C-alpha atoms as a PDB file:
ATOM      1  CA  MET A   1     -22.993 -23.457  -8.793  1.00  0.00           C
ATOM      2  CA  THR A   2     -19.572 -21.921  -8.329  1.00  0.00           C
ATOM      3  CA  THR A   3     -16.270 -23.728  -8.642  1.00  0.00           C
ATOM      4  CA  PRO A   4     -12.923 -23.054  -6.932  1.00  0.00           C
ATOM      5  CA  ASP A   5     -11.760 -21.313 -10.139  1.00  0.00           C
ATOM      6  CA  THR A   6     -14.675 -18.848 -10.256  1.00  0.00           C
ATOM      7  CA  TYR A   7     -15.708 -18.433  -6.632  1.00  0.00           C
ATOM      8  CA  VAL A   8     -15.321 -14.951  -5.124  1.00  0.00           C
ATOM      9  CA  GLU A   9     -15.275 -14.433  -1.360  1.00  0.00           C
ATOM     10  CA  THR A  10     -18.114 -12.258  -0.019  1.00  0.00           C
ATOM     11  CA  ALA A  11     -17.722  -9.565   2.653  1.00  0.00           C
ATOM     12  CA  GLU A  12     -19.549 -11.803   5.149  1.00  0.00           C
ATOM     13  CA  GLU A  13     -17.223 -14.707   4.438  1.00  0.00           C
ATOM     14  CA  ARG A  14     -14.213 -12.405   4.799  1.00  0.00           C
ATOM     15  CA  GLU A  15     -15.469 -11.390   8.247  1.00  0.00           C
ATOM     16  CA  ALA A  16     -15.935 -15.069   9.157  1.00  0.00           C
ATOM     17  CA  ARG A  17     -12.397 -15.789   7.956  1.00  0.00           C
ATOM     18  CA  HIS A  18     -10.983 -13.022  10.117  1.00  0.00           C
ATOM     19  CA  ALA A  19     -12.921 -14.360  13.115  1.00  0.00           C
ATOM     20  CA  ALA A  20     -11.486 -17.841  12.502  1.00  0.00           C
ATOM     21  CA  ILE A  21      -7.993 -16.352  12.372  1.00  0.00           C
ATOM     22  CA  GLU A  22      -8.497 -14.694  15.754  1.00  0.00           C
ATOM     23  CA  ARG A  23      -9.747 -17.970  17.309  1.00  0.00           C
ATOM     24  CA  ALA A  24      -7.010 -20.200  15.900  1.00  0.00           C
ATOM     25  CA  ASP A  25      -4.380 -21.677  18.220  1.00  0.00           C
ATOM     26  CA  ALA A  26      -2.046 -22.962  15.482  1.00  0.00           C
ATOM     27  CA  PRO A  27       1.121 -20.929  14.759  1.00  0.00           C
ATOM     28  CA  ALA A  28      -0.098 -20.468  11.171  1.00  0.00           C
ATOM     29  CA  ILE A  29      -3.452 -20.776   9.430  1.00  0.00           C
ATOM     30  CA  ALA A  30      -3.934 -20.644   5.634  1.00  0.00           C
ATOM     31  CA  PHE A  31      -6.862 -19.725   3.379  1.00  0.00           C
ATOM     32  CA  ALA A  32      -7.514 -19.566  -0.376  1.00  0.00           C
ATOM     33  CA  HIS A  33      -9.785 -16.814  -1.689  1.00  0.00           C
ATOM     34  CA  ARG A  34     -10.570 -14.661  -4.731  1.00  0.00           C
ATOM     35  CA  TYR A  35     -11.555 -11.055  -5.441  1.00  0.00           C
ATOM     36  CA  ASP A  36     -13.286  -9.441  -8.415  1.00  0.00           C
ATOM     37  CA  SER A  37     -11.567  -6.985 -10.758  1.00  0.00           C
ATOM     38  CA  TYR A  38     -10.770  -3.607  -9.208  1.00  0.00           C
ATOM     39  CA  HIS A  39     -11.972  -4.647  -5.769  1.00  0.00           C
ATOM     40  CA  HIS A  40     -11.077  -2.453  -2.785  1.00  0.00           C
ATOM     41  CA  VAL A  41     -10.573  -3.736   0.755  1.00  0.00           C
ATOM     42  CA  ALA A  42     -10.631  -0.845   3.213  1.00  0.00           C
ATOM     43  CA  GLU A  43      -7.751  -0.165   5.582  1.00  0.00           C
ATOM     44  CA  HIS A  44      -7.487  -2.782   8.321  1.00  0.00           C
ATOM     45  CA  GLU A  45      -4.909  -4.684  10.361  1.00  0.00           C
ATOM     46  CA  HIS A  46      -4.308  -8.154  11.808  1.00  0.00           C
ATOM     47  CA  ARG A  47      -2.886  -9.270  15.111  1.00  0.00           C
ATOM     48  CA  ARG A  48      -1.001 -11.947  13.165  1.00  0.00           C
ATOM     49  CA  ALA A  49       1.528 -11.362  10.416  1.00  0.00           C
ATOM     50  CA  GLN A  50       0.263 -12.184   6.917  1.00  0.00           C
ATOM     51  CA  LEU A  51       1.996 -13.860   3.989  1.00  0.00           C
ATOM     52  CA  LEU A  52      -0.150 -13.127   0.943  1.00  0.00           C
ATOM     53  CA  HIS A  53       0.614 -15.244  -2.144  1.00  0.00           C
ATOM     54  CA  LEU A  54      -0.917 -14.212  -5.457  1.00  0.00           C
ATOM     55  CA  SER A  55      -1.656 -16.987  -7.968  1.00  0.00           C
ATOM     56  CA  SER A  56      -3.371 -14.758 -10.575  1.00  0.00           C
ATOM     57  CA  GLY A  57      -3.887 -11.061 -11.245  1.00  0.00           C
ATOM     58  CA  VAL A  58      -2.058  -8.044  -9.825  1.00  0.00           C
ATOM     59  CA  LEU A  59      -2.622  -6.556  -6.391  1.00  0.00           C
ATOM     60  CA  THR A  60      -1.483  -3.392  -4.622  1.00  0.00           C
ATOM     61  CA  VAL A  61      -1.286  -2.810  -0.894  1.00  0.00           C
ATOM     62  CA  THR A  62      -1.196   0.723   0.481  1.00  0.00           C
ATOM     63  CA  THR A  63       0.003   1.684   3.945  1.00  0.00           C
ATOM     64  CA  ARG A  64       0.859   5.003   5.513  1.00  0.00           C
ATOM     65  CA  ALA A  65       4.498   4.252   4.645  1.00  0.00           C
ATOM     66  CA  GLY A  66       4.008   3.632   0.915  1.00  0.00           C
ATOM     67  CA  ARG A  67       2.703   1.228  -1.700  1.00  0.00           C
ATOM     68  CA  TRP A  68       3.619  -2.334  -2.604  1.00  0.00           C
ATOM     69  CA  MET A  69       2.676  -4.274  -5.705  1.00  0.00           C
ATOM     70  CA  MET A  70       2.391  -8.000  -6.285  1.00  0.00           C
ATOM     71  CA  PRO A  71       2.214  -9.590  -9.734  1.00  0.00           C
ATOM     72  CA  ARG A  72       1.243 -13.222 -10.160  1.00  0.00           C
ATOM     73  CA  ASP A  73       3.293 -15.803  -8.233  1.00  0.00           C
ATOM     74  CA  HIS A  74       4.787 -13.291  -5.828  1.00  0.00           C
ATOM     75  CA  ALA A  75       4.102 -12.914  -2.140  1.00  0.00           C
ATOM     76  CA  LEU A  76       3.751  -9.992   0.248  1.00  0.00           C
ATOM     77  CA  TRP A  77       4.858 -10.161   3.868  1.00  0.00           C
ATOM     78  CA  ILE A  78       2.798  -7.869   6.125  1.00  0.00           C
ATOM     79  CA  PRO A  79       3.976  -7.705   9.760  1.00  0.00           C
ATOM     80  CA  ALA A  80       1.389  -7.886  12.527  1.00  0.00           C
ATOM     81  CA  GLY A  81      -0.332  -4.614  13.361  1.00  0.00           C
ATOM     82  CA  VAL A  82       0.437  -2.857  10.054  1.00  0.00           C
ATOM     83  CA  ARG A  83      -2.669  -1.046   8.800  1.00  0.00           C
ATOM     84  CA  HIS A  84      -3.151  -1.607   5.097  1.00  0.00           C
ATOM     85  CA  ALA A  85      -5.685  -1.308   2.289  1.00  0.00           C
ATOM     86  CA  VAL A  86      -5.849  -3.673  -0.683  1.00  0.00           C
ATOM     87  CA  ASP A  87      -6.771  -3.012  -4.328  1.00  0.00           C
ATOM     88  CA  THR A  88      -6.940  -5.580  -7.113  1.00  0.00           C
ATOM     89  CA  VAL A  89      -5.976  -5.027 -10.753  1.00  0.00           C
ATOM     90  CA  GLY A  90      -8.014  -7.601 -12.653  1.00  0.00           C
ATOM     91  CA  SER A  91      -9.568 -10.597 -10.925  1.00  0.00           C
ATOM     92  CA  VAL A  92      -7.267 -11.997  -8.264  1.00  0.00           C
ATOM     93  CA  ALA A  93      -6.763 -15.442  -6.757  1.00  0.00           C
ATOM     94  CA  MET A  94      -4.632 -15.674  -3.651  1.00  0.00           C
ATOM     95  CA  HIS A  95      -3.601 -17.588  -0.580  1.00  0.00           C
ATOM     96  CA  SER A  96      -3.186 -15.904   2.790  1.00  0.00           C
ATOM     97  CA  VAL A  97      -1.180 -17.443   5.608  1.00  0.00           C
ATOM     98  CA  TYR A  98      -1.678 -15.755   8.984  1.00  0.00           C
ATOM     99  CA  ILE A  99       1.245 -16.285  11.345  1.00  0.00           C
ATOM    100  CA  ARG A 100       1.833 -15.652  15.017  1.00  0.00           C
ATOM    101  CA  PRO A 101       4.830 -13.257  15.101  1.00  0.00           C
ATOM    102  CA  GLU A 102       6.463 -15.198  17.937  1.00  0.00           C
ATOM    103  CA  SER A 103       6.246 -18.548  16.104  1.00  0.00           C
ATOM    104  CA  ILE A 104       9.932 -18.603  15.107  1.00  0.00           C
ATOM    105  CA  ALA A 105      12.870 -16.256  15.196  1.00  0.00           C
ATOM    106  CA  GLY A 106      14.028 -14.541  12.020  1.00  0.00           C
ATOM    107  CA  LEU A 107      10.685 -13.572  10.472  1.00  0.00           C
ATOM    108  CA  PRO A 108      10.890 -10.262   8.539  1.00  0.00           C
ATOM    109  CA  ASP A 109      10.176  -7.138  10.581  1.00  0.00           C
ATOM    110  CA  ARG A 110       9.079  -4.952   7.650  1.00  0.00           C
ATOM    111  CA  LEU A 111       6.600  -5.124   4.805  1.00  0.00           C
ATOM    112  CA  GLN A 112       8.196  -6.547   1.645  1.00  0.00           C
ATOM    113  CA  VAL A 113       7.412  -8.260  -1.659  1.00  0.00           C
ATOM    114  CA  THR A 114       9.099 -11.600  -2.290  1.00  0.00           C
ATOM    115  CA  GLY A 115       9.397 -14.141  -5.035  1.00  0.00           C
ATOM    116  CA  MET A 116       8.176 -17.686  -4.468  1.00  0.00           C
ATOM    117  CA  THR A 117       9.921 -21.052  -4.409  1.00  0.00           C
ATOM    118  CA  PRO A 118       8.484 -24.406  -5.541  1.00  0.00           C
ATOM    119  CA  LEU A 119       8.776 -25.602  -1.952  1.00  0.00           C
ATOM    120  CA  MET A 120       6.781 -22.669  -0.578  1.00  0.00           C
ATOM    121  CA  ARG A 121       4.045 -23.069  -3.205  1.00  0.00           C
ATOM    122  CA  GLY A 122       3.588 -26.683  -2.170  1.00  0.00           C
ATOM    123  CA  LEU A 123       3.680 -25.910   1.548  1.00  0.00           C
ATOM    124  CA  ILE A 124       1.017 -23.203   1.253  1.00  0.00           C
ATOM    125  CA  ALA A 125      -1.248 -25.462  -0.810  1.00  0.00           C
ATOM    126  CA  GLU A 126      -0.949 -28.204   1.797  1.00  0.00           C
ATOM    127  CA  ALA A 127      -1.501 -25.741   4.653  1.00  0.00           C
ATOM    128  CA  VAL A 128      -4.811 -24.698   3.053  1.00  0.00           C
ATOM    129  CA  ARG A 129      -5.893 -28.337   2.767  1.00  0.00           C
ATOM    130  CA  LEU A 130      -4.886 -29.063   6.363  1.00  0.00           C
ATOM    131  CA  ARG A 131      -6.590 -26.018   7.885  1.00  0.00           C
ATOM    132  CA  ASP A 132      -9.333 -28.129   9.476  1.00  0.00           C
ATOM    133  CA  ASP A 133      -6.833 -30.510  11.054  1.00  0.00           C
ATOM    134  CA  PRO A 134      -4.126 -28.228  12.497  1.00  0.00           C
ATOM    135  CA  ALA A 135      -3.284 -30.523  15.429  1.00  0.00           C
ATOM    136  CA  SER A 136      -2.244 -33.532  13.335  1.00  0.00           C
ATOM    137  CA  PRO A 137       1.465 -34.458  13.208  1.00  0.00           C
ATOM    138  CA  ARG A 138       1.506 -33.889   9.448  1.00  0.00           C
ATOM    139  CA  ALA A 139       0.000 -30.414   9.798  1.00  0.00           C
ATOM    140  CA  ALA A 140       2.578 -29.537  12.455  1.00  0.00           C
ATOM    141  CA  PHE A 141       5.360 -30.676  10.130  1.00  0.00           C
ATOM    142  CA  ILE A 142       3.985 -28.747   7.106  1.00  0.00           C
ATOM    143  CA  LEU A 143       3.394 -25.545   9.084  1.00  0.00           C
ATOM    144  CA  GLY A 144       6.825 -25.769  10.688  1.00  0.00           C
ATOM    145  CA  ALA A 145       8.515 -26.110   7.295  1.00  0.00           C
ATOM    146  CA  LEU A 146       6.428 -23.216   5.935  1.00  0.00           C
ATOM    147  CA  LEU A 147       7.486 -20.932   8.780  1.00  0.00           C
ATOM    148  CA  HIS A 148      11.158 -21.741   8.310  1.00  0.00           C
ATOM    149  CA  GLU A 149      10.964 -21.135   4.539  1.00  0.00           C
ATOM    150  CA  ILE A 150       9.652 -17.544   4.909  1.00  0.00           C
ATOM    151  CA  PRO A 151      13.018 -15.908   5.772  1.00  0.00           C
ATOM    152  CA  HIS A 152      14.549 -17.539   2.664  1.00  0.00           C
ATOM    153  CA  LEU A 153      12.108 -16.095   0.115  1.00  0.00           C
ATOM    154  CA  PRO A 154      13.897 -13.763  -2.350  1.00  0.00           C
ATOM    155  CA  VAL A 155      13.011 -10.079  -1.823  1.00  0.00           C
ATOM    156  CA  ARG A 156      11.752  -8.245  -4.935  1.00  0.00           C
ATOM    157  CA  PRO A 157      11.990  -4.468  -5.637  1.00  0.00           C
ATOM    158  CA  LEU A 158       8.209  -3.960  -5.830  1.00  0.00           C
ATOM    159  CA  GLY A 159       7.772  -1.740  -2.828  1.00  0.00           C
ATOM    160  CA  LEU A 160       7.526   2.008  -3.061  1.00  0.00           C
ATOM    161  CA  PRO A 161       8.169   3.579   0.358  1.00  0.00           C
ATOM    162  CA  PHE A 162       7.008   7.156   0.854  1.00  0.00           C
ATOM    163  CA  PRO A 163       9.027   9.616   2.954  1.00  0.00           C
ATOM    164  CA  ALA A 164       7.507  11.082   6.120  1.00  0.00           C
ATOM    165  CA  HIS A 165       8.543  14.592   5.036  1.00  0.00           C
ATOM    166  CA  ASN A 166       5.254  16.168   3.854  1.00  0.00           C
ATOM    167  CA  ARG A 167       6.561  17.949   0.755  1.00  0.00           C
ATOM    168  CA  LEU A 168       8.595  14.958  -0.365  1.00  0.00           C
ATOM    169  CA  ALA A 169       5.645  12.628   0.178  1.00  0.00           C
ATOM    170  CA  GLN A 170       3.431  14.848  -1.986  1.00  0.00           C
ATOM    171  CA  LEU A 171       6.056  14.874  -4.743  1.00  0.00           C
ATOM    172  CA  CYS A 172       6.101  11.092  -4.591  1.00  0.00           C
ATOM    173  CA  ARG A 173       2.314  10.835  -4.780  1.00  0.00           C
ATOM    174  CA  ASP A 174       2.241  13.190  -7.761  1.00  0.00           C
ATOM    175  CA  PHE A 175       4.922  11.130  -9.513  1.00  0.00           C
ATOM    176  CA  VAL A 176       3.069   7.848  -8.911  1.00  0.00           C
ATOM    177  CA  ALA A 177       0.001   9.412 -10.560  1.00  0.00           C
ATOM    178  CA  ARG A 178       2.119  10.353 -13.615  1.00  0.00           C
ATOM    179  CA  PRO A 179       5.275   8.187 -13.626  1.00  0.00           C
ATOM    180  CA  SER A 180       8.055   8.996 -16.076  1.00  0.00           C
ATOM    181  CA  ALA A 181      11.501   7.712 -16.946  1.00  0.00           C
ATOM    182  CA  HIS A 182      12.757  11.294 -16.660  1.00  0.00           C
ATOM    183  CA  LEU A 183      13.006  13.001 -13.290  1.00  0.00           C
ATOM    184  CA  ASN A 184      15.140  16.027 -12.417  1.00  0.00           C
ATOM    185  CA  ILE A 185      16.507  15.895  -8.882  1.00  0.00           C
ATOM    186  CA  ASP A 186      17.104  19.653  -8.830  1.00  0.00           C
ATOM    187  CA  ASP A 187      13.446  20.287  -9.677  1.00  0.00           C
ATOM    188  CA  TRP A 188      12.345  18.050  -6.827  1.00  0.00           C
ATOM    189  CA  ALA A 189      14.758  19.703  -4.406  1.00  0.00           C
ATOM    190  CA  ASP A 190      13.492  23.160  -5.406  1.00  0.00           C
ATOM    191  CA  ALA A 191       9.859  22.066  -5.031  1.00  0.00           C
ATOM    192  CA  ALA A 192      10.626  20.724  -1.550  1.00  0.00           C
ATOM    193  CA  GLY A 193      12.466  23.904  -0.559  1.00  0.00           C
ATOM    194  CA  LEU A 194      15.711  22.018   0.013  1.00  0.00           C
ATOM    195  CA  SER A 195      19.221  22.122  -1.344  1.00  0.00           C
ATOM    196  CA  ARG A 196      20.182  19.239  -3.607  1.00  0.00           C
ATOM    197  CA  ARG A 197      22.446  17.813  -0.904  1.00  0.00           C
ATOM    198  CA  SER A 198      19.793  18.046   1.830  1.00  0.00           C
ATOM    199  CA  PHE A 199      17.148  16.593  -0.465  1.00  0.00           C
ATOM    200  CA  THR A 200      19.338  13.616  -1.353  1.00  0.00           C
ATOM    201  CA  ARG A 201      20.219  12.941   2.281  1.00  0.00           C
ATOM    202  CA  ILE A 202      16.618  13.211   3.570  1.00  0.00           C
ATOM    203  CA  PHE A 203      15.098  11.175   0.742  1.00  0.00           C
ATOM    204  CA  ARG A 204      17.506   8.284   1.222  1.00  0.00           C
ATOM    205  CA  ARG A 205      17.156   8.396   5.003  1.00  0.00           C
ATOM    206  CA  GLU A 206      13.356   8.268   4.883  1.00  0.00           C
ATOM    207  CA  THR A 207      12.878   5.776   2.034  1.00  0.00           C
ATOM    208  CA  GLY A 208      16.077   3.727   2.123  1.00  0.00           C
ATOM    209  CA  LEU A 209      16.472   4.373  -1.631  1.00  0.00           C
ATOM    210  CA  SER A 210      18.136   6.855  -3.920  1.00  0.00           C
ATOM    211  CA  LEU A 211      15.710   8.953  -5.958  1.00  0.00           C
ATOM    212  CA  SER A 212      16.901   7.199  -9.140  1.00  0.00           C
ATOM    213  CA  THR A 213      16.135   3.727  -7.750  1.00  0.00           C
ATOM    214  CA  TRP A 214      12.810   4.943  -6.333  1.00  0.00           C
ATOM    215  CA  ARG A 215      11.873   6.329  -9.771  1.00  0.00           C
ATOM    216  CA  GLN A 216      12.719   3.032 -11.463  1.00  0.00           C
ATOM    217  CA  GLN A 217      10.602   1.098  -8.980  1.00  0.00           C
ATOM    218  CA  ALA A 218       7.687   3.511  -9.508  1.00  0.00           C
ATOM    219  CA  CYS A 219       7.937   3.020 -13.273  1.00  0.00           C
ATOM    220  CA  LEU A 220       8.144  -0.744 -12.854  1.00  0.00           C
ATOM    221  CA  MET A 221       5.023  -0.733 -10.667  1.00  0.00           C
ATOM    222  CA  ALA A 222       3.206   1.332 -13.298  1.00  0.00           C
ATOM    223  CA  ALA A 223       4.325  -0.975 -16.107  1.00  0.00           C
ATOM    224  CA  LEU A 224       3.567  -4.397 -14.632  1.00  0.00           C
ATOM    225  CA  PRO A 225      -0.250  -4.197 -14.536  1.00  0.00           C
ATOM    226  CA  ARG A 226      -0.341  -2.902 -18.107  1.00  0.00           C
ATOM    227  CA  LEU A 227       2.008  -5.610 -19.343  1.00  0.00           C
ATOM    228  CA  SER A 228      -0.008  -8.243 -17.464  1.00  0.00           C
ATOM    229  CA  ASP A 229      -3.139  -6.965 -19.240  1.00  0.00           C
ATOM    230  CA  GLY A 230      -1.466  -7.667 -22.586  1.00  0.00           C
ATOM    231  CA  GLU A 231      -0.380  -4.170 -23.631  1.00  0.00           C
ATOM    232  CA  PRO A 232       2.641  -4.146 -25.982  1.00  0.00           C
ATOM    233  CA  VAL A 233       6.004  -3.499 -24.372  1.00  0.00           C
ATOM    234  CA  THR A 234       6.635  -0.710 -26.886  1.00  0.00           C
ATOM    235  CA  ALA A 235       3.488   1.213 -25.908  1.00  0.00           C
ATOM    236  CA  VAL A 236       4.204   0.903 -22.173  1.00  0.00           C
ATOM    237  CA  ALA A 237       7.853   1.929 -22.560  1.00  0.00           C
ATOM    238  CA  LEU A 238       7.051   5.015 -24.647  1.00  0.00           C
ATOM    239  CA  ASP A 239       4.159   6.096 -22.400  1.00  0.00           C
ATOM    240  CA  LEU A 240       6.539   6.036 -19.438  1.00  0.00           C
ATOM    241  CA  GLY A 241       8.927   8.314 -21.285  1.00  0.00           C
ATOM    242  CA  TYR A 242      11.682   5.835 -22.154  1.00  0.00           C
ATOM    243  CA  ASP A 243      13.584   6.829 -25.266  1.00  0.00           C
ATOM    244  CA  SER A 244      13.473   3.290 -26.631  1.00  0.00           C
ATOM    245  CA  VAL A 245      12.276  -0.214 -25.849  1.00  0.00           C
ATOM    246  CA  PRO A 246      15.888  -1.369 -25.172  1.00  0.00           C
ATOM    247  CA  ALA A 247      16.232   1.368 -22.511  1.00  0.00           C
ATOM    248  CA  PHE A 248      13.036   0.153 -20.824  1.00  0.00           C
ATOM    249  CA  THR A 249      14.134  -3.475 -21.140  1.00  0.00           C
ATOM    250  CA  THR A 250      17.487  -2.669 -19.527  1.00  0.00           C
ATOM    251  CA  MET A 251      15.710  -1.130 -16.528  1.00  0.00           C
ATOM    252  CA  PHE A 252      13.299  -4.077 -16.325  1.00  0.00           C
ATOM    253  CA  CYS A 253      16.132  -6.621 -16.434  1.00  0.00           C
ATOM    254  CA  ARG A 254      18.065  -4.762 -13.757  1.00  0.00           C
ATOM    255  CA  MET A 255      15.038  -4.703 -11.430  1.00  0.00           C
ATOM    256  CA  MET A 256      13.427  -8.092 -12.166  1.00  0.00           C
ATOM    257  CA  GLY A 257      16.327 -10.190 -13.467  1.00  0.00           C
ATOM    258  CA  THR A 258      14.735 -10.989 -16.828  1.00  0.00           C
ATOM    259  CA  PRO A 259      13.374  -9.124 -19.900  1.00  0.00           C
ATOM    260  CA  PRO A 260       9.651  -8.180 -19.896  1.00  0.00           C
ATOM    261  CA  LYS A 261       8.567 -10.793 -22.440  1.00  0.00           C
ATOM    262  CA  ALA A 262      10.401 -13.608 -20.656  1.00  0.00           C
ATOM    263  CA  TYR A 263       9.030 -12.462 -17.311  1.00  0.00           C
ATOM    264  CA  LEU A 264       5.435 -12.411 -18.625  1.00  0.00           C
ATOM    265  CA  ARG A 265       5.893 -15.798 -20.298  1.00  0.00           C
ATOM    266  CA  ASN A 266       6.984 -17.265 -16.954  1.00  0.00           C
ATOM    267  CA  GLN A 267       3.980 -15.678 -15.247  1.00  0.00           C
ATOM    268  CA  THR A 268       1.526 -17.405 -17.572  1.00  0.00           C
ATOM    269  CA  SER A 269       3.227 -20.790 -17.820  1.00  0.00           C
END
């Protein structure tokens, strides 16, 4: 017999969950579910927005606009109608809250990774428990508080937008396959057939990031699953081409607000 800690949702149950989401009248409906290691969910979309909270493992979401990564105790906001595929890194436990886009004003209009708050963790857990009684006054109160907390979740730099420009997008895909701390902007501009100035302008316009920041986020996304799997910080830093562990730690602190070891300790506490 399975338990909540070991149970993995089947494809048939996932289809039933999606059908329940479509039938629901409540402004938000929440589920808890798990996936096996290195599980792939093919590209799909929802008519509701989705707030996906990860309680264990690492997960990546790929859209036509780029890739986003979620470590443990982070959330991903996916607007309604955004086609996306999901891949797990290790076994994953998560909560999904499906939200009518018109429920309240101020909900995010773009896909983004966020941190979590103690309040939101509690609200999601209660929303899962109250799923079968969405019309009760308590459920209405919990769901209302949950909706109003979403715009206040702290955004994290764990998205990796890809430019629409074909040559730039291919350069980005190649870099993600072999991320490195060292990247020469002139080499990228030459490969794209652009001047340095044009390359810089187009890349920022289409991704919202400088190439330097984009590179750091790509390296961070490559590092987090390996660190979560227990690989030494030194090995990860050197494999990514950092000259020293302090150089890698400086980048990590700038992006995540804490050193790697402290971050991982918080993720497992």
